[in-house]
mmCIF file of all heavy atoms, coordinates in Angstrom:
data_MODEL
# 
_entry.id   MODEL 
# 
loop_
_atom_site.group_PDB 
_atom_site.id 
_atom_site.type_symbol 
_atom_site.label_atom_id 
_atom_site.label_alt_id 
_atom_site.label_comp_id 
_atom_site.label_asym_id 
_atom_site.label_entity_id 
_atom_site.label_seq_id 
_atom_site.pdbx_PDB_ins_code 
_atom_site.Cartn_x 
_atom_site.Cartn_y 
_atom_site.Cartn_z 
_atom_site.occupancy 
_atom_site.B_iso_or_equiv 
_atom_site.pdbx_formal_charge 
_atom_site.auth_seq_id 
_atom_site.auth_comp_id 
_atom_site.auth_asym_id 
_atom_site.auth_atom_id 
_atom_site.pdbx_PDB_model_num 
ATOM 1   N N   . PHE A 1 1  ? 112.473 150.230 122.673 1.00 0.00 ? 1  PHE A N   1 
ATOM 2   C CA  . PHE A 1 1  ? 111.104 149.707 122.617 1.00 0.00 ? 1  PHE A CA  1 
ATOM 3   C C   . PHE A 1 1  ? 110.207 150.360 123.665 1.00 0.00 ? 1  PHE A C   1 
ATOM 4   O O   . PHE A 1 1  ? 109.000 150.512 123.444 1.00 0.00 ? 1  PHE A O   1 
ATOM 5   C CB  . PHE A 1 1  ? 111.108 148.188 122.754 1.00 0.00 ? 1  PHE A CB  1 
ATOM 6   C CG  . PHE A 1 1  ? 111.524 147.481 121.497 1.00 0.00 ? 1  PHE A CG  1 
ATOM 7   C CD1 . PHE A 1 1  ? 112.694 146.735 121.447 1.00 0.00 ? 1  PHE A CD1 1 
ATOM 8   C CD2 . PHE A 1 1  ? 110.750 147.570 120.347 1.00 0.00 ? 1  PHE A CD2 1 
ATOM 9   C CE1 . PHE A 1 1  ? 113.080 146.092 120.279 1.00 0.00 ? 1  PHE A CE1 1 
ATOM 10  C CE2 . PHE A 1 1  ? 111.125 146.931 119.178 1.00 0.00 ? 1  PHE A CE2 1 
ATOM 11  C CZ  . PHE A 1 1  ? 112.298 146.193 119.143 1.00 0.00 ? 1  PHE A CZ  1 
ATOM 12  N N   . GLY A 1 2  ? 110.788 150.774 124.797 1.00 0.00 ? 2  GLY A N   1 
ATOM 13  C CA  . GLY A 1 2  ? 109.995 151.539 125.745 1.00 0.00 ? 2  GLY A CA  1 
ATOM 14  C C   . GLY A 1 2  ? 109.491 152.832 125.137 1.00 0.00 ? 2  GLY A C   1 
ATOM 15  O O   . GLY A 1 2  ? 108.319 153.204 125.306 1.00 0.00 ? 2  GLY A O   1 
ATOM 16  N N   . SER A 1 3  ? 110.363 153.519 124.386 1.00 0.00 ? 3  SER A N   1 
ATOM 17  C CA  . SER A 1 3  ? 109.934 154.764 123.737 1.00 0.00 ? 3  SER A CA  1 
ATOM 18  C C   . SER A 1 3  ? 108.949 154.490 122.607 1.00 0.00 ? 3  SER A C   1 
ATOM 19  O O   . SER A 1 3  ? 108.036 155.280 122.357 1.00 0.00 ? 3  SER A O   1 
ATOM 20  C CB  . SER A 1 3  ? 111.155 155.534 123.219 1.00 0.00 ? 3  SER A CB  1 
ATOM 21  O OG  . SER A 1 3  ? 111.735 154.929 122.075 1.00 0.00 ? 3  SER A OG  1 
ATOM 22  N N   . ALA A 1 4  ? 109.096 153.357 121.912 1.00 0.00 ? 4  ALA A N   1 
ATOM 23  C CA  . ALA A 1 4  ? 108.166 153.012 120.835 1.00 0.00 ? 4  ALA A CA  1 
ATOM 24  C C   . ALA A 1 4  ? 106.780 152.706 121.398 1.00 0.00 ? 4  ALA A C   1 
ATOM 25  O O   . ALA A 1 4  ? 105.755 153.098 120.808 1.00 0.00 ? 4  ALA A O   1 
ATOM 26  C CB  . ALA A 1 4  ? 108.700 151.819 120.046 1.00 0.00 ? 4  ALA A CB  1 
ATOM 27  N N   . ARG A 1 5  ? 106.731 152.012 122.534 1.00 0.00 ? 5  ARG A N   1 
ATOM 28  C CA  . ARG A 1 5  ? 105.425 151.738 123.149 1.00 0.00 ? 5  ARG A CA  1 
ATOM 29  C C   . ARG A 1 5  ? 104.742 153.030 123.580 1.00 0.00 ? 5  ARG A C   1 
ATOM 30  O O   . ARG A 1 5  ? 103.527 153.189 123.435 1.00 0.00 ? 5  ARG A O   1 
ATOM 31  C CB  . ARG A 1 5  ? 105.606 150.815 124.368 1.00 0.00 ? 5  ARG A CB  1 
ATOM 32  C CG  . ARG A 1 5  ? 105.850 149.361 124.036 1.00 0.00 ? 5  ARG A CG  1 
ATOM 33  C CD  . ARG A 1 5  ? 105.708 148.478 125.250 1.00 0.00 ? 5  ARG A CD  1 
ATOM 34  N NE  . ARG A 1 5  ? 106.696 148.796 126.293 1.00 0.00 ? 5  ARG A NE  1 
ATOM 35  C CZ  . ARG A 1 5  ? 107.916 148.286 126.339 1.00 0.00 ? 5  ARG A CZ  1 
ATOM 36  N NH1 . ARG A 1 5  ? 108.306 147.426 125.403 1.00 0.00 ? 5  ARG A NH1 1 
ATOM 37  N NH2 . ARG A 1 5  ? 108.745 148.605 127.302 1.00 0.00 ? 5  ARG A NH2 1 
ATOM 38  N N   . ASP A 1 6  ? 105.527 153.960 124.125 1.00 0.00 ? 6  ASP A N   1 
ATOM 39  C CA  . ASP A 1 6  ? 104.948 155.214 124.615 1.00 0.00 ? 6  ASP A CA  1 
ATOM 40  C C   . ASP A 1 6  ? 104.399 156.069 123.476 1.00 0.00 ? 6  ASP A C   1 
ATOM 41  O O   . ASP A 1 6  ? 103.368 156.731 123.629 1.00 0.00 ? 6  ASP A O   1 
ATOM 42  C CB  . ASP A 1 6  ? 106.003 156.019 125.381 1.00 0.00 ? 6  ASP A CB  1 
ATOM 43  C CG  . ASP A 1 6  ? 106.386 155.377 126.707 1.00 0.00 ? 6  ASP A CG  1 
ATOM 44  O OD1 . ASP A 1 6  ? 105.631 154.512 127.189 1.00 0.00 ? 6  ASP A OD1 1 
ATOM 45  O OD2 . ASP A 1 6  ? 107.454 155.730 127.248 1.00 0.00 ? 6  ASP A OD2 1 
ATOM 46  N N   . THR A 1 7  ? 105.093 156.089 122.345 1.00 0.00 ? 7  THR A N   1 
ATOM 47  C CA  . THR A 1 7  ? 104.729 157.008 121.264 1.00 0.00 ? 7  THR A CA  1 
ATOM 48  C C   . THR A 1 7  ? 103.845 156.367 120.204 1.00 0.00 ? 7  THR A C   1 
ATOM 49  O O   . THR A 1 7  ? 103.139 157.076 119.476 1.00 0.00 ? 7  THR A O   1 
ATOM 50  C CB  . THR A 1 7  ? 106.005 157.556 120.587 1.00 0.00 ? 7  THR A CB  1 
ATOM 51  O OG1 . THR A 1 7  ? 106.817 156.451 120.142 1.00 0.00 ? 7  THR A OG1 1 
ATOM 52  C CG2 . THR A 1 7  ? 106.811 158.405 121.578 1.00 0.00 ? 7  THR A CG2 1 
ATOM 53  N N   . HIS A 1 8  ? 103.893 155.033 120.085 1.00 0.00 ? 8  HIS A N   1 
ATOM 54  C CA  . HIS A 1 8  ? 103.114 154.332 119.047 1.00 0.00 ? 8  HIS A CA  1 
ATOM 55  C C   . HIS A 1 8  ? 102.452 153.103 119.663 1.00 0.00 ? 8  HIS A C   1 
ATOM 56  O O   . HIS A 1 8  ? 102.777 151.955 119.307 1.00 0.00 ? 8  HIS A O   1 
ATOM 57  C CB  . HIS A 1 8  ? 104.023 153.919 117.882 1.00 0.00 ? 8  HIS A CB  1 
ATOM 58  C CG  . HIS A 1 8  ? 104.676 155.074 117.190 1.00 0.00 ? 8  HIS A CG  1 
ATOM 59  N ND1 . HIS A 1 8  ? 105.800 155.702 117.694 1.00 0.00 ? 8  HIS A ND1 1 
ATOM 60  C CD2 . HIS A 1 8  ? 104.356 155.734 116.044 1.00 0.00 ? 8  HIS A CD2 1 
ATOM 61  C CE1 . HIS A 1 8  ? 106.141 156.688 116.880 1.00 0.00 ? 8  HIS A CE1 1 
ATOM 62  N NE2 . HIS A 1 8  ? 105.281 156.732 115.881 1.00 0.00 ? 8  HIS A NE2 1 
ATOM 63  N N   . PRO A 1 9  ? 101.519 153.311 120.586 1.00 0.00 ? 9  PRO A N   1 
ATOM 64  C CA  . PRO A 1 9  ? 100.916 152.167 121.289 1.00 0.00 ? 9  PRO A CA  1 
ATOM 65  C C   . PRO A 1 9  ? 100.115 151.241 120.384 1.00 0.00 ? 9  PRO A C   1 
ATOM 66  O O   . PRO A 1 9  ? 99.817  150.105 120.769 1.00 0.00 ? 9  PRO A O   1 
ATOM 67  C CB  . PRO A 1 9  ? 100.017 152.844 122.336 1.00 0.00 ? 9  PRO A CB  1 
ATOM 68  C CG  . PRO A 1 9  ? 99.743  154.216 121.787 1.00 0.00 ? 9  PRO A CG  1 
ATOM 69  C CD  . PRO A 1 9  ? 100.983 154.605 121.050 1.00 0.00 ? 9  PRO A CD  1 
ATOM 70  N N   . ASP A 1 10 ? 99.765  151.704 119.186 1.00 0.00 ? 10 ASP A N   1 
ATOM 71  C CA  . ASP A 1 10 ? 98.985  150.882 118.263 1.00 0.00 ? 10 ASP A CA  1 
ATOM 72  C C   . ASP A 1 10 ? 99.849  149.984 117.389 1.00 0.00 ? 10 ASP A C   1 
ATOM 73  O O   . ASP A 1 10 ? 99.315  149.163 116.619 1.00 0.00 ? 10 ASP A O   1 
ATOM 74  C CB  . ASP A 1 10 ? 98.126  151.780 117.364 1.00 0.00 ? 10 ASP A CB  1 
ATOM 75  C CG  . ASP A 1 10 ? 98.947  152.848 116.636 1.00 0.00 ? 10 ASP A CG  1 
ATOM 76  O OD1 . ASP A 1 10 ? 100.026 153.219 117.148 1.00 0.00 ? 10 ASP A OD1 1 
ATOM 77  O OD2 . ASP A 1 10 ? 98.495  153.317 115.569 1.00 0.00 ? 10 ASP A OD2 1 
ATOM 78  N N   . ALA A 1 11 ? 101.170 150.104 117.473 1.00 0.00 ? 11 ALA A N   1 
ATOM 79  C CA  . ALA A 1 11 ? 102.065 149.318 116.620 1.00 0.00 ? 11 ALA A CA  1 
ATOM 80  C C   . ALA A 1 11 ? 102.481 148.032 117.328 1.00 0.00 ? 11 ALA A C   1 
ATOM 81  O O   . ALA A 1 11 ? 102.619 147.992 118.558 1.00 0.00 ? 11 ALA A O   1 
ATOM 82  C CB  . ALA A 1 11 ? 103.301 150.130 116.262 1.00 0.00 ? 11 ALA A CB  1 
ATOM 83  N N   . ASP A 1 12 ? 102.697 146.982 116.549 1.00 0.00 ? 12 ASP A N   1 
ATOM 84  C CA  . ASP A 1 12 ? 103.264 145.739 117.066 1.00 0.00 ? 12 ASP A CA  1 
ATOM 85  C C   . ASP A 1 12 ? 104.789 145.843 117.001 1.00 0.00 ? 12 ASP A C   1 
ATOM 86  O O   . ASP A 1 12 ? 105.345 146.362 116.020 1.00 0.00 ? 12 ASP A O   1 
ATOM 87  C CB  . ASP A 1 12 ? 102.788 144.546 116.253 1.00 0.00 ? 12 ASP A CB  1 
ATOM 88  C CG  . ASP A 1 12 ? 101.283 144.326 116.372 1.00 0.00 ? 12 ASP A CG  1 
ATOM 89  O OD1 . ASP A 1 12 ? 100.716 144.674 117.427 1.00 0.00 ? 12 ASP A OD1 1 
ATOM 90  O OD2 . ASP A 1 12 ? 100.675 143.828 115.399 1.00 0.00 ? 12 ASP A OD2 1 
ATOM 91  N N   . LEU A 1 13 ? 105.451 145.326 118.031 1.00 0.00 ? 13 LEU A N   1 
ATOM 92  C CA  . LEU A 1 13 ? 106.894 145.515 118.179 1.00 0.00 ? 13 LEU A CA  1 
ATOM 93  C C   . LEU A 1 13 ? 107.625 144.187 118.006 1.00 0.00 ? 13 LEU A C   1 
ATOM 94  O O   . LEU A 1 13 ? 107.226 143.159 118.568 1.00 0.00 ? 13 LEU A O   1 
ATOM 95  C CB  . LEU A 1 13 ? 107.210 146.108 119.555 1.00 0.00 ? 13 LEU A CB  1 
ATOM 96  C CG  . LEU A 1 13 ? 106.470 147.399 119.923 1.00 0.00 ? 13 LEU A CG  1 
ATOM 97  C CD1 . LEU A 1 13 ? 106.877 147.861 121.309 1.00 0.00 ? 13 LEU A CD1 1 
ATOM 98  C CD2 . LEU A 1 13 ? 106.728 148.493 118.886 1.00 0.00 ? 13 LEU A CD2 1 
ATOM 99  N N   . TYR A 1 14 ? 108.744 144.250 117.268 1.00 0.00 ? 14 TYR A N   1 
ATOM 100 C CA  . TYR A 1 14 ? 109.538 143.059 116.980 1.00 0.00 ? 14 TYR A CA  1 
ATOM 101 C C   . TYR A 1 14 ? 111.020 143.383 117.112 1.00 0.00 ? 14 TYR A C   1 
ATOM 102 O O   . TYR A 1 14 ? 111.457 144.495 116.795 1.00 0.00 ? 14 TYR A O   1 
ATOM 103 C CB  . TYR A 1 14 ? 109.280 142.560 115.555 1.00 0.00 ? 14 TYR A CB  1 
ATOM 104 C CG  . TYR A 1 14 ? 107.874 142.059 115.313 1.00 0.00 ? 14 TYR A CG  1 
ATOM 105 C CD1 . TYR A 1 14 ? 106.871 142.939 114.906 1.00 0.00 ? 14 TYR A CD1 1 
ATOM 106 C CD2 . TYR A 1 14 ? 107.561 140.720 115.489 1.00 0.00 ? 14 TYR A CD2 1 
ATOM 107 C CE1 . TYR A 1 14 ? 105.576 142.483 114.681 1.00 0.00 ? 14 TYR A CE1 1 
ATOM 108 C CE2 . TYR A 1 14 ? 106.264 140.263 115.253 1.00 0.00 ? 14 TYR A CE2 1 
ATOM 109 C CZ  . TYR A 1 14 ? 105.289 141.147 114.854 1.00 0.00 ? 14 TYR A CZ  1 
ATOM 110 O OH  . TYR A 1 14 ? 104.012 140.702 114.631 1.00 0.00 ? 14 TYR A OH  1 
ATOM 111 N N   . LEU A 1 15 ? 111.776 142.380 117.522 1.00 0.00 ? 15 LEU A N   1 
ATOM 112 C CA  . LEU A 1 15 ? 113.235 142.473 117.531 1.00 0.00 ? 15 LEU A CA  1 
ATOM 113 C C   . LEU A 1 15 ? 113.799 141.331 116.716 1.00 0.00 ? 15 LEU A C   1 
ATOM 114 O O   . LEU A 1 15 ? 113.473 140.156 116.960 1.00 0.00 ? 15 LEU A O   1 
ATOM 115 C CB  . LEU A 1 15 ? 113.790 142.400 118.958 1.00 0.00 ? 15 LEU A CB  1 
ATOM 116 C CG  . LEU A 1 15 ? 115.320 142.357 119.027 1.00 0.00 ? 15 LEU A CG  1 
ATOM 117 C CD1 . LEU A 1 15 ? 115.915 143.727 118.687 1.00 0.00 ? 15 LEU A CD1 1 
ATOM 118 C CD2 . LEU A 1 15 ? 115.822 141.876 120.378 1.00 0.00 ? 15 LEU A CD2 1 
ATOM 119 N N   . GLY A 1 16 ? 114.657 141.652 115.754 1.00 0.00 ? 16 GLY A N   1 
ATOM 120 C CA  . GLY A 1 16 ? 115.428 140.637 115.062 1.00 0.00 ? 16 GLY A CA  1 
ATOM 121 C C   . GLY A 1 16 ? 116.685 140.370 115.865 1.00 0.00 ? 16 GLY A C   1 
ATOM 122 O O   . GLY A 1 16 ? 117.499 141.270 116.061 1.00 0.00 ? 16 GLY A O   1 
ATOM 123 N N   . LEU A 1 17 ? 116.848 139.150 116.354 1.00 0.00 ? 17 LEU A N   1 
ATOM 124 C CA  . LEU A 1 17 ? 118.004 138.800 117.185 1.00 0.00 ? 17 LEU A CA  1 
ATOM 125 C C   . LEU A 1 17 ? 119.128 138.282 116.305 1.00 0.00 ? 17 LEU A C   1 
ATOM 126 O O   . LEU A 1 17 ? 119.062 137.165 115.792 1.00 0.00 ? 17 LEU A O   1 
ATOM 127 C CB  . LEU A 1 17 ? 117.618 137.767 118.237 1.00 0.00 ? 17 LEU A CB  1 
ATOM 128 C CG  . LEU A 1 17 ? 118.742 137.326 119.181 1.00 0.00 ? 17 LEU A CG  1 
ATOM 129 C CD1 . LEU A 1 17 ? 119.293 138.517 119.966 1.00 0.00 ? 17 LEU A CD1 1 
ATOM 130 C CD2 . LEU A 1 17 ? 118.263 136.220 120.116 1.00 0.00 ? 17 LEU A CD2 1 
ATOM 131 N N   . ALA A 1 18 ? 120.151 139.106 116.110 1.00 0.00 ? 18 ALA A N   1 
ATOM 132 C CA  . ALA A 1 18 ? 121.309 138.724 115.291 1.00 0.00 ? 18 ALA A CA  1 
ATOM 133 C C   . ALA A 1 18 ? 122.326 138.015 116.179 1.00 0.00 ? 18 ALA A C   1 
ATOM 134 O O   . ALA A 1 18 ? 123.453 138.470 116.382 1.00 0.00 ? 18 ALA A O   1 
ATOM 135 C CB  . ALA A 1 18 ? 121.918 139.957 114.631 1.00 0.00 ? 18 ALA A CB  1 
ATOM 136 N N   . ASP A 1 19 ? 121.907 136.886 116.703 1.00 0.00 ? 19 ASP A N   1 
ATOM 137 C CA  . ASP A 1 19 ? 122.705 136.149 117.679 1.00 0.00 ? 19 ASP A CA  1 
ATOM 138 C C   . ASP A 1 19 ? 122.060 134.781 117.818 1.00 0.00 ? 19 ASP A C   1 
ATOM 139 O O   . ASP A 1 19 ? 120.958 134.544 117.304 1.00 0.00 ? 19 ASP A O   1 
ATOM 140 C CB  . ASP A 1 19 ? 122.693 136.893 119.026 1.00 0.00 ? 19 ASP A CB  1 
ATOM 141 C CG  . ASP A 1 19 ? 124.008 136.759 119.792 1.00 0.00 ? 19 ASP A CG  1 
ATOM 142 O OD1 . ASP A 1 19 ? 124.645 135.688 119.665 1.00 0.00 ? 19 ASP A OD1 1 
ATOM 143 O OD2 . ASP A 1 19 ? 124.386 137.704 120.502 1.00 0.00 ? 19 ASP A OD2 1 
ATOM 144 N N   . ASP A 1 20 ? 122.718 133.885 118.552 1.00 0.00 ? 20 ASP A N   1 
ATOM 145 C CA  . ASP A 1 20 ? 122.066 132.615 118.842 1.00 0.00 ? 20 ASP A CA  1 
ATOM 146 C C   . ASP A 1 20 ? 121.401 132.694 120.209 1.00 0.00 ? 20 ASP A C   1 
ATOM 147 O O   . ASP A 1 20 ? 121.462 133.717 120.891 1.00 0.00 ? 20 ASP A O   1 
ATOM 148 C CB  . ASP A 1 20 ? 123.060 131.453 118.759 1.00 0.00 ? 20 ASP A CB  1 
ATOM 149 C CG  . ASP A 1 20 ? 124.131 131.518 119.840 1.00 0.00 ? 20 ASP A CG  1 
ATOM 150 O OD1 . ASP A 1 20 ? 124.145 132.500 120.633 1.00 0.00 ? 20 ASP A OD1 1 
ATOM 151 O OD2 . ASP A 1 20 ? 124.956 130.590 119.912 1.00 0.00 ? 20 ASP A OD2 1 
ATOM 152 N N   . GLY A 1 21 ? 120.710 131.636 120.605 1.00 0.00 ? 21 GLY A N   1 
ATOM 153 C CA  . GLY A 1 21 ? 120.059 131.632 121.900 1.00 0.00 ? 21 GLY A CA  1 
ATOM 154 C C   . GLY A 1 21 ? 118.790 132.468 121.918 1.00 0.00 ? 21 GLY A C   1 
ATOM 155 O O   . GLY A 1 21 ? 118.145 132.679 120.887 1.00 0.00 ? 21 GLY A O   1 
ATOM 156 N N   . ASN A 1 22 ? 118.444 132.968 123.108 1.00 0.00 ? 22 ASN A N   1 
ATOM 157 C CA  . ASN A 1 22 ? 117.187 133.683 123.300 1.00 0.00 ? 22 ASN A CA  1 
ATOM 158 C C   . ASN A 1 22 ? 117.426 135.033 123.956 1.00 0.00 ? 22 ASN A C   1 
ATOM 159 O O   . ASN A 1 22 ? 118.460 135.276 124.578 1.00 0.00 ? 22 ASN A O   1 
ATOM 160 C CB  . ASN A 1 22 ? 116.236 132.857 124.182 1.00 0.00 ? 22 ASN A CB  1 
ATOM 161 C CG  . ASN A 1 22 ? 115.889 131.520 123.565 1.00 0.00 ? 22 ASN A CG  1 
ATOM 162 O OD1 . ASN A 1 22 ? 115.385 131.466 122.459 1.00 0.00 ? 22 ASN A OD1 1 
ATOM 163 N ND2 . ASN A 1 22 ? 116.162 130.447 124.284 1.00 0.00 ? 22 ASN A ND2 1 
ATOM 164 N N   . LEU A 1 23 ? 116.441 135.897 123.817 1.00 0.00 ? 23 LEU A N   1 
ATOM 165 C CA  . LEU A 1 23 ? 116.445 137.199 124.483 1.00 0.00 ? 23 LEU A CA  1 
ATOM 166 C C   . LEU A 1 23 ? 114.996 137.564 124.752 1.00 0.00 ? 23 LEU A C   1 
ATOM 167 O O   . LEU A 1 23 ? 114.129 137.374 123.896 1.00 0.00 ? 23 LEU A O   1 
ATOM 168 C CB  . LEU A 1 23 ? 117.106 138.259 123.586 1.00 0.00 ? 23 LEU A CB  1 
ATOM 169 C CG  . LEU A 1 23 ? 117.252 139.666 124.167 1.00 0.00 ? 23 LEU A CG  1 
ATOM 170 C CD1 . LEU A 1 23 ? 118.205 139.658 125.349 1.00 0.00 ? 23 LEU A CD1 1 
ATOM 171 C CD2 . LEU A 1 23 ? 117.766 140.624 123.095 1.00 0.00 ? 23 LEU A CD2 1 
ATOM 172 N N   . ARG A 1 24 ? 114.724 138.089 125.950 1.00 0.00 ? 24 ARG A N   1 
ATOM 173 C CA  . ARG A 1 24 ? 113.362 138.465 126.318 1.00 0.00 ? 24 ARG A CA  1 
ATOM 174 C C   . ARG A 1 24 ? 113.274 139.971 126.529 1.00 0.00 ? 24 ARG A C   1 
ATOM 175 O O   . ARG A 1 24 ? 114.093 140.543 127.249 1.00 0.00 ? 24 ARG A O   1 
ATOM 176 C CB  . ARG A 1 24 ? 112.931 137.741 127.602 1.00 0.00 ? 24 ARG A CB  1 
ATOM 177 C CG  . ARG A 1 24 ? 112.730 136.249 127.427 1.00 0.00 ? 24 ARG A CG  1 
ATOM 178 C CD  . ARG A 1 24 ? 112.256 135.618 128.735 1.00 0.00 ? 24 ARG A CD  1 
ATOM 179 N NE  . ARG A 1 24 ? 112.023 134.194 128.581 1.00 0.00 ? 24 ARG A NE  1 
ATOM 180 C CZ  . ARG A 1 24 ? 110.890 133.667 128.146 1.00 0.00 ? 24 ARG A CZ  1 
ATOM 181 N NH1 . ARG A 1 24 ? 109.885 134.464 127.803 1.00 0.00 ? 24 ARG A NH1 1 
ATOM 182 N NH2 . ARG A 1 24 ? 110.740 132.363 128.030 1.00 0.00 ? 24 ARG A NH2 1 
ATOM 183 N N   . LEU A 1 25 ? 112.295 140.592 125.901 1.00 0.00 ? 25 LEU A N   1 
ATOM 184 C CA  . LEU A 1 25 ? 111.991 141.999 126.108 1.00 0.00 ? 25 LEU A CA  1 
ATOM 185 C C   . LEU A 1 25 ? 110.482 142.126 126.285 1.00 0.00 ? 25 LEU A C   1 
ATOM 186 O O   . LEU A 1 25 ? 109.706 141.458 125.590 1.00 0.00 ? 25 LEU A O   1 
ATOM 187 C CB  . LEU A 1 25 ? 112.441 142.845 124.912 1.00 0.00 ? 25 LEU A CB  1 
ATOM 188 C CG  . LEU A 1 25 ? 113.946 142.921 124.644 1.00 0.00 ? 25 LEU A CG  1 
ATOM 189 C CD1 . LEU A 1 25 ? 114.201 143.646 123.322 1.00 0.00 ? 25 LEU A CD1 1 
ATOM 190 C CD2 . LEU A 1 25 ? 114.684 143.625 125.764 1.00 0.00 ? 25 LEU A CD2 1 
ATOM 191 N N   . ASP A 1 26 ? 110.060 142.984 127.199 1.00 0.00 ? 26 ASP A N   1 
ATOM 192 C CA  . ASP A 1 26 ? 108.638 143.124 127.491 1.00 0.00 ? 26 ASP A CA  1 
ATOM 193 C C   . ASP A 1 26 ? 107.857 143.590 126.270 1.00 0.00 ? 26 ASP A C   1 
ATOM 194 O O   . ASP A 1 26 ? 108.226 144.586 125.629 1.00 0.00 ? 26 ASP A O   1 
ATOM 195 C CB  . ASP A 1 26 ? 108.429 144.113 128.632 1.00 0.00 ? 26 ASP A CB  1 
ATOM 196 C CG  . ASP A 1 26 ? 108.893 143.573 129.972 1.00 0.00 ? 26 ASP A CG  1 
ATOM 197 O OD1 . ASP A 1 26 ? 109.059 142.341 130.077 1.00 0.00 ? 26 ASP A OD1 1 
ATOM 198 O OD2 . ASP A 1 26 ? 109.111 144.381 130.892 1.00 0.00 ? 26 ASP A OD2 1 
ATOM 199 N N   . HIS A 1 27 ? 106.782 142.873 125.949 1.00 0.00 ? 27 HIS A N   1 
ATOM 200 C CA  . HIS A 1 27 ? 105.836 143.255 124.898 1.00 0.00 ? 27 HIS A CA  1 
ATOM 201 C C   . HIS A 1 27 ? 106.493 143.335 123.516 1.00 0.00 ? 27 HIS A C   1 
ATOM 202 O O   . HIS A 1 27 ? 106.028 144.076 122.636 1.00 0.00 ? 27 HIS A O   1 
ATOM 203 C CB  . HIS A 1 27 ? 105.168 144.593 125.222 1.00 0.00 ? 27 HIS A CB  1 
ATOM 204 C CG  . HIS A 1 27 ? 104.570 144.641 126.595 1.00 0.00 ? 27 HIS A CG  1 
ATOM 205 N ND1 . HIS A 1 27 ? 103.488 143.876 126.958 1.00 0.00 ? 27 HIS A ND1 1 
ATOM 206 C CD2 . HIS A 1 27 ? 104.931 145.346 127.701 1.00 0.00 ? 27 HIS A CD2 1 
ATOM 207 C CE1 . HIS A 1 27 ? 103.176 144.112 128.226 1.00 0.00 ? 27 HIS A CE1 1 
ATOM 208 N NE2 . HIS A 1 27 ? 104.036 144.997 128.696 1.00 0.00 ? 27 HIS A NE2 1 
# 
């Protein structure tokens, strides 16, 4: 996602969490 932000700053970023609980990633 760091590389995606750098190369595609106009895109919205999402993570599908294939797990239970929570996970935090910047932006």
